[in-house]
Amino acid sequence: MRTSTPTTQGPGGSGRPGLPSFKLGSFGLAVIAALVLITVWLGIYRIDAGHVGIVKRFGNVIDVVDPGLRFKFPWADTVEEMEVRERAFSMTLEAASQDPLEIPIQVTVNWLVKRDHVRDLYVQFGSLDQFERRIILPRLNDTVKGVTSAYTVNDLLRKRVEFRDVSMATFSKRMPDDVQITGFSVVNIGFPPEYTKAIRDKQVAREQAETEKFVLERQRLTSTQVTQSAEAQRDADKARADGRAYEIKVQGEAQAQAIRIMGEALAQNPLVVEYRKVEKWGGAFPATFMGGDAGANTLWSMPGTSTPAAPGPRAAAPTTGTAPTRAAATAPQPPRQ
């Protein structure tokens, strides 16, 4: 039995067989639309500010894109962000000084990736965290230890800025050109407990010496003040003594001058003495006088007076109305005018 194959008339009525017809339904269109939307959705990505996008196609870096909204092939391309802002890497290490003493030092390095070298740095070193572990950490550790060995502990205290600058310059020379060192900070320098105690004891001794020096200085000032007061008192006493001596001298000279003048006046007028005697005589004669034979102490009374008691053991003779002539003769006479 022979079967016939249906044919379709081609253009112009030819009897050539035609292609089978294929019609898409609504389900097929929905699947295609969903695939397109998923492709667009997976292909759109965003790069934040301060970062760049490293686009890799099947693992090979093909481009570095700037921040913004971007598109990629979802099943072929992958994007990894890399920060191009300044970063800080800190570490604490033990370094030996020139003394030598083991000193704990904490340092912080600020660095960033140069925009034009992002692709090379990623290809050669990987991500930024890998770069810090593989490059920055060992080289920073070696640099700080090498620079610290050239300083004593006292130099690290007094020349901390110099130590920082030298460390930064040395570390920058050892870093690749893909990065830039923007800062270097010596956060802390620790010291062994025995060294800290020695410094504390030295400071205490220095303070005690300063205190003793201050006390001695104050005592010296006090002694100086006492000495100056004594000298001032001595000068004052000397001045008073000089004044008194000058006063006595002046008085003596005045008295001598007066005596000299009086002597000259008496030499020229001898009757002045007799005149002074008359001025001092009150006009009364003596009431008694001493006298007697063989040195006897006899008190004689003048006429008109009572008999006084004898000073010696011998009684005085009774007085008569007439006194002895010798007594009368020895009585002082009034001066003649």
Protein backbone atom coordinates (compact mmCIF):
# COMPACT_ATOMS: atom_id res chain seq x y z
CA MET A 1 0.00 0.00 0.00
CA ARG A 2 1.42 3.41 -0.86
CA THR A 3 0.91 6.44 1.29
CA SER A 4 0.94 9.95 0.06
CA THR A 5 2.79 12.82 1.62
CA PRO A 6 0.85 16.03 1.82
CA THR A 7 2.34 18.84 -0.10
CA THR A 8 1.73 22.52 -0.14
CA GLN A 9 1.57 24.68 -3.12
CA GLY A 10 4.40 26.99 -3.36
CA PRO A 11 4.29 30.36 -4.95
CA GLY A 12 3.30 30.20 -8.60
CA GLY A 13 1.44 26.95 -8.08
CA SER A 14 4.55 24.74 -7.98
CA GLY A 15 4.22 21.38 -6.42
CA ARG A 16 7.32 21.60 -4.15
CA PRO A 17 6.81 20.40 -0.57
CA GLY A 18 6.60 23.33 2.07
CA LEU A 19 8.18 23.75 5.55
CA PRO A 20 6.19 22.74 8.64
CA SER A 21 4.60 25.71 10.36
CA PHE A 22 5.59 26.59 14.05
CA LYS A 23 3.39 28.77 16.14
CA LEU A 24 4.39 30.27 19.61
CA GLY A 25 1.74 30.34 22.17
CA SER A 26 1.33 32.78 25.08
CA PHE A 27 3.34 30.49 27.35
CA GLY A 28 6.33 30.59 25.08
CA LEU A 29 6.28 34.36 24.88
CA ALA A 30 6.11 34.57 28.66
CA VAL A 31 9.16 32.32 29.03
CA ILE A 32 11.14 34.41 26.56
CA ALA A 33 10.17 37.64 28.32
CA ALA A 34 11.17 36.17 31.68
CA LEU A 35 14.57 35.13 30.33
CA VAL A 36 15.17 38.60 28.94
CA LEU A 37 14.22 40.25 32.22
CA ILE A 38 16.43 37.90 34.22
CA THR A 39 19.32 38.58 31.88
CA VAL A 40 18.90 42.32 32.18
CA TRP A 41 18.48 42.07 35.95
CA LEU A 42 21.57 39.96 36.41
CA GLY A 43 23.59 42.13 34.05
CA ILE A 44 22.99 45.42 35.83
CA TYR A 45 25.31 46.26 38.75
CA ARG A 46 26.41 49.34 40.72
CA ILE A 47 29.84 50.59 41.88
CA ASP A 48 29.83 52.78 45.02
CA ALA A 49 31.79 55.98 45.42
CA GLY A 50 35.36 55.52 46.59
CA HIS A 51 35.59 52.17 44.79
CA VAL A 52 36.28 50.87 41.31
CA GLY A 53 34.95 47.74 39.60
CA ILE A 54 37.29 45.08 38.26
CA VAL A 55 35.45 43.28 35.46
CA LYS A 56 36.56 39.71 34.75
CA ARG A 57 35.30 37.59 31.85
CA PHE A 58 35.79 33.92 32.45
CA GLY A 59 38.44 34.84 35.08
CA ASN A 60 40.42 37.24 32.89
CA VAL A 61 40.52 40.95 33.86
CA ILE A 62 39.14 42.90 30.93
CA ASP A 63 38.30 46.31 32.39
CA VAL A 64 38.29 48.63 35.41
CA VAL A 65 35.13 50.73 35.69
CA ASP A 66 34.38 53.83 37.76
CA PRO A 67 31.50 54.28 40.24
CA GLY A 68 27.98 54.30 38.82
CA LEU A 69 25.39 51.98 37.20
CA ARG A 70 26.96 49.45 34.84
CA PHE A 71 26.02 46.40 32.71
CA LYS A 72 27.73 43.04 32.22
CA PHE A 73 27.04 39.71 30.64
CA PRO A 74 25.49 37.73 33.47
CA TRP A 75 26.83 34.26 32.65
CA ALA A 76 30.24 35.36 31.41
CA ASP A 77 31.33 38.39 33.44
CA THR A 78 32.03 38.87 37.16
CA VAL A 79 32.77 42.16 38.93
CA GLU A 80 34.86 42.66 42.09
CA GLU A 81 34.99 46.01 43.86
CA MET A 82 38.27 47.50 45.09
CA GLU A 83 38.50 50.48 47.45
CA VAL A 84 40.64 53.38 46.25
CA ARG A 85 40.15 55.51 49.37
CA GLU A 86 42.81 55.89 52.08
CA ARG A 87 43.13 52.89 54.35
CA ALA A 88 44.79 52.39 57.75
CA PHE A 89 46.83 49.37 58.75
CA SER A 90 47.90 49.01 62.40
CA MET A 91 50.18 46.52 64.10
CA THR A 92 52.03 46.04 67.41
CA LEU A 93 55.50 44.51 67.40
CA GLU A 94 58.46 43.88 69.69
CA ALA A 95 61.61 45.74 68.64
CA ALA A 96 65.06 45.80 70.23
CA SER A 97 66.69 49.18 70.87
CA GLN A 98 70.41 49.95 70.72
CA ASP A 99 70.71 49.44 74.52
CA PRO A 100 69.45 46.64 73.88
CA LEU A 101 65.95 46.44 75.38
CA GLU A 102 62.85 44.79 73.98
CA ILE A 103 60.31 47.57 73.43
CA PRO A 104 56.67 47.11 72.36
CA ILE A 105 55.86 49.58 69.59
CA GLN A 106 52.46 50.20 67.99
CA VAL A 107 52.44 51.83 64.54
CA THR A 108 49.76 52.74 62.01
CA VAL A 109 50.30 53.15 58.25
CA ASN A 110 47.90 55.10 56.02
CA TRP A 111 47.97 54.10 52.35
CA LEU A 112 45.87 53.99 49.21
CA VAL A 113 45.87 52.36 45.76
CA LYS A 114 46.70 54.55 42.81
CA ARG A 115 43.77 54.65 40.35
CA ASP A 116 45.93 53.94 37.33
CA HIS A 117 47.58 50.91 38.99
CA VAL A 118 44.45 49.10 40.23
CA ARG A 119 44.53 46.47 37.47
CA ASP A 120 48.23 45.70 37.91
CA LEU A 121 47.94 45.51 41.71
CA TYR A 122 44.97 43.13 41.48
CA VAL A 123 46.67 40.89 38.95
CA GLN A 124 49.93 40.78 40.93
CA PHE A 125 48.80 40.81 44.58
CA GLY A 126 45.06 40.09 44.66
CA SER A 127 42.62 41.87 46.95
CA LEU A 128 43.54 44.63 49.39
CA ASP A 129 43.36 42.31 52.40
CA GLN A 130 45.76 39.94 50.69
CA PHE A 131 48.05 42.84 49.88
CA GLU A 132 48.14 43.90 53.55
CA ARG A 133 48.92 40.38 54.74
CA ARG A 134 51.48 39.58 52.07
CA ILE A 135 53.26 42.92 51.55
CA ILE A 136 52.55 45.54 54.21
CA LEU A 137 52.75 43.35 57.32
CA PRO A 138 56.19 41.76 56.82
CA ARG A 139 57.83 44.83 55.34
CA LEU A 140 56.49 47.15 58.04
CA ASN A 141 57.62 44.77 60.76
CA ASP A 142 61.13 44.56 59.31
CA THR A 143 61.37 48.33 58.74
CA VAL A 144 60.37 49.34 62.26
CA LYS A 145 62.71 46.82 63.87
CA GLY A 146 65.60 47.96 61.70
CA VAL A 147 65.07 51.64 62.47
CA THR A 148 64.54 51.00 66.20
CA SER A 149 67.87 49.22 66.51
CA ALA A 150 69.65 52.49 65.66
CA TYR A 151 68.12 54.36 68.63
CA THR A 152 68.55 54.05 72.37
CA VAL A 153 65.56 54.15 74.67
CA ASN A 154 66.32 57.73 75.66
CA ASP A 155 66.59 58.69 71.98
CA LEU A 156 63.19 57.16 71.30
CA LEU A 157 61.78 59.40 74.03
CA ARG A 158 63.51 62.57 72.92
CA LYS A 159 63.54 61.98 69.12
CA ARG A 160 60.15 60.44 68.55
CA VAL A 161 59.33 62.66 65.56
CA GLU A 162 62.65 61.85 63.93
CA PHE A 163 62.05 58.14 64.52
CA ARG A 164 58.64 58.42 62.85
CA ASP A 165 59.94 60.29 59.80
CA VAL A 166 62.84 57.92 59.27
CA SER A 167 60.53 54.90 59.57
CA MET A 168 58.07 56.35 57.07
CA ALA A 169 60.78 57.18 54.52
CA THR A 170 62.34 53.73 54.82
CA PHE A 171 59.00 51.96 54.56
CA SER A 172 57.89 54.03 51.53
CA LYS A 173 61.00 53.01 49.61
CA ARG A 174 60.18 49.34 50.12
CA MET A 175 56.59 49.55 48.86
CA PRO A 176 55.62 48.93 45.18
CA ASP A 177 54.68 51.82 42.93
CA ASP A 178 51.06 50.68 42.83
CA VAL A 179 50.35 52.20 46.24
CA GLN A 180 51.04 55.52 47.95
CA ILE A 181 52.00 55.89 51.64
CA THR A 182 50.09 58.92 52.93
CA GLY A 183 50.87 58.73 56.63
CA PHE A 184 52.89 57.00 59.32
CA SER A 185 52.09 57.24 63.03
CA VAL A 186 53.91 55.92 66.08
CA VAL A 187 50.88 55.31 68.25
CA ASN A 188 52.66 54.07 71.36
CA ILE A 189 56.13 53.14 72.59
CA GLY A 190 56.18 50.90 75.63
CA PHE A 191 59.06 50.40 78.03
CA PRO A 192 60.11 47.50 80.28
CA PRO A 193 58.87 47.75 83.90
CA GLU A 194 62.40 47.95 85.33
CA TYR A 195 63.27 50.81 82.99
CA THR A 196 60.07 52.63 83.89
CA LYS A 197 60.85 52.17 87.59
CA ALA A 198 64.39 53.49 87.06
CA ILE A 199 63.02 56.56 85.29
CA ARG A 200 60.48 57.10 88.08
CA ASP A 201 63.17 56.80 90.77
CA LYS A 202 65.41 59.17 88.86
CA GLN A 203 62.59 61.67 88.55
CA VAL A 204 61.81 61.40 92.26
CA ALA A 205 65.49 61.92 93.13
CA ARG A 206 65.61 64.90 90.81
CA GLU A 207 62.54 66.40 92.45
CA GLN A 208 64.05 65.84 95.89
CA ALA A 209 67.26 67.51 94.77
CA GLU A 210 65.26 70.44 93.44
CA THR A 211 63.39 70.64 96.75
CA GLU A 212 66.62 70.60 98.75
CA LYS A 213 68.09 73.19 96.45
CA PHE A 214 65.02 75.35 96.99
CA VAL A 215 65.31 74.94 100.78
CA LEU A 216 69.00 75.83 100.69
CA GLU A 217 68.27 78.81 98.52
CA ARG A 218 65.56 79.95 100.90
CA GLN A 219 67.92 79.52 103.87
CA ARG A 220 70.57 81.47 102.03
CA LEU A 221 68.08 84.24 101.34
CA THR A 222 67.04 84.22 105.00
CA SER A 223 70.68 84.36 106.10
CA THR A 224 71.28 87.18 103.65
CA GLN A 225 68.29 89.06 105.01
CA VAL A 226 69.52 88.58 108.61
CA THR A 227 73.01 89.69 107.61
CA GLN A 228 71.67 92.70 105.82
CA SER A 229 69.46 93.56 108.81
CA ALA A 230 72.45 93.23 111.15
CA GLU A 231 74.58 95.38 108.86
CA ALA A 232 71.79 97.94 108.65
CA GLN A 233 71.46 97.91 112.46
CA ARG A 234 75.23 98.25 112.79
CA ASP A 235 75.28 101.14 110.37
CA ALA A 236 72.40 102.76 112.26
CA ASP A 237 74.18 102.31 115.62
CA LYS A 238 77.37 103.65 114.11
CA ALA A 239 75.53 106.62 112.73
CA ARG A 240 73.91 107.29 116.12
CA ALA A 241 77.30 106.89 117.86
CA ASP A 242 78.91 109.20 115.35
CA GLY A 243 76.13 111.68 115.92
CA ARG A 244 76.49 111.45 119.70
CA ALA A 245 80.27 111.79 119.46
CA TYR A 246 79.88 114.76 117.20
CA GLU A 247 77.37 116.24 119.63
CA ILE A 248 79.78 115.73 122.58
CA LYS A 249 82.61 117.18 120.55
CA VAL A 250 80.57 120.20 119.65
CA GLN A 251 79.44 120.61 123.26
CA GLY A 252 83.05 120.22 124.50
CA GLU A 253 84.29 122.72 121.99
CA ALA A 254 81.50 125.08 123.00
CA GLN A 255 82.28 124.63 126.70
CA ALA A 256 86.00 125.08 126.05
CA GLN A 257 85.23 128.17 124.06
CA ALA A 258 83.04 129.43 126.88
CA ILE A 259 85.74 128.69 129.50
CA ARG A 260 88.34 130.36 127.36
CA ILE A 261 86.19 133.42 126.95
CA MET A 262 85.39 133.41 130.69
CA GLY A 263 89.08 133.08 131.56
CA GLU A 264 89.93 135.97 129.32
CA ALA A 265 87.14 138.02 130.91
CA LEU A 266 88.36 137.13 134.46
CA ALA A 267 91.91 138.00 133.55
CA GLN A 268 90.73 141.40 132.47
CA ASN A 269 88.36 141.90 135.49
CA PRO A 270 89.59 140.06 138.65
CA LEU A 271 86.91 141.68 140.86
CA VAL A 272 84.26 139.58 139.11
CA VAL A 273 85.18 136.64 141.38
CA GLU A 274 84.68 138.68 144.53
CA TYR A 275 81.42 139.89 143.13
CA ARG A 276 80.28 136.31 142.55
CA LYS A 277 81.18 135.47 146.19
CA VAL A 278 79.09 138.34 147.49
CA GLU A 279 76.18 137.23 145.29
CA LYS A 280 76.29 133.72 146.71
CA TRP A 281 76.78 134.91 150.42
CA GLY A 282 73.43 135.25 152.13
CA GLY A 283 74.67 137.72 154.79
CA ALA A 284 74.74 135.15 157.69
CA PHE A 285 77.94 134.38 159.68
CA PRO A 286 78.93 130.87 160.69
CA ALA A 287 77.31 129.63 163.92
CA THR A 288 80.11 127.21 164.93
CA PHE A 289 83.74 126.44 164.21
CA MET A 290 86.18 123.67 165.01
CA GLY A 291 89.18 124.26 167.24
CA GLY A 292 91.07 123.31 170.46
CA ASP A 293 94.51 122.25 171.75
CA ALA A 294 96.40 119.07 170.91
CA GLY A 295 94.09 118.26 168.05
CA ALA A 296 90.99 117.94 170.26
CA ASN A 297 87.74 118.01 168.46
CA THR A 298 85.98 120.97 170.03
CA LEU A 299 82.88 122.54 168.65
CA TRP A 300 82.66 126.24 169.58
CA SER A 301 79.53 128.16 169.46
CA MET A 302 79.43 131.70 168.27
CA PRO A 303 77.78 134.42 170.40
CA GLY A 304 74.04 134.22 170.39
CA THR A 305 73.88 130.48 169.58
CA SER A 306 73.26 127.34 171.62
CA THR A 307 76.01 124.81 172.44
CA PRO A 308 75.92 121.84 170.14
CA ALA A 309 76.79 118.31 171.31
CA ALA A 310 80.48 117.33 171.14
CA PRO A 311 81.30 114.90 168.44
CA GLY A 312 84.08 113.23 170.52
CA PRO A 313 84.16 111.51 173.96
CA ARG A 314 85.30 114.73 175.66
CA ALA A 315 82.50 117.06 176.78
CA ALA A 316 82.51 120.51 175.31
CA ALA A 317 83.29 123.43 177.75
CA PRO A 318 80.38 125.62 178.74
CA THR A 319 80.06 128.64 176.64
CA THR A 320 80.41 132.06 178.15
CA GLY A 321 79.19 135.27 177.04
CA THR A 322 82.49 136.04 175.36
CA ALA A 323 83.93 133.71 172.70
CA PRO A 324 87.66 133.18 172.51
CA THR A 325 89.55 135.81 170.66
CA ARG A 326 90.99 133.19 168.21
CA ALA A 327 87.55 132.14 167.21
CA ALA A 328 86.52 135.63 166.60
CA ALA A 329 89.67 136.28 164.72
CA THR A 330 89.07 133.29 162.42
CA ALA A 331 85.55 134.22 161.62
CA PRO A 332 85.15 135.20 158.02
CA GLN A 333 84.85 138.85 157.30
CA PRO A 334 82.49 140.27 154.78
CA PRO A 335 84.22 141.47 151.70
CA ARG A 336 84.98 145.03 151.41
CA GLN A 337 83.17 147.09 148.96
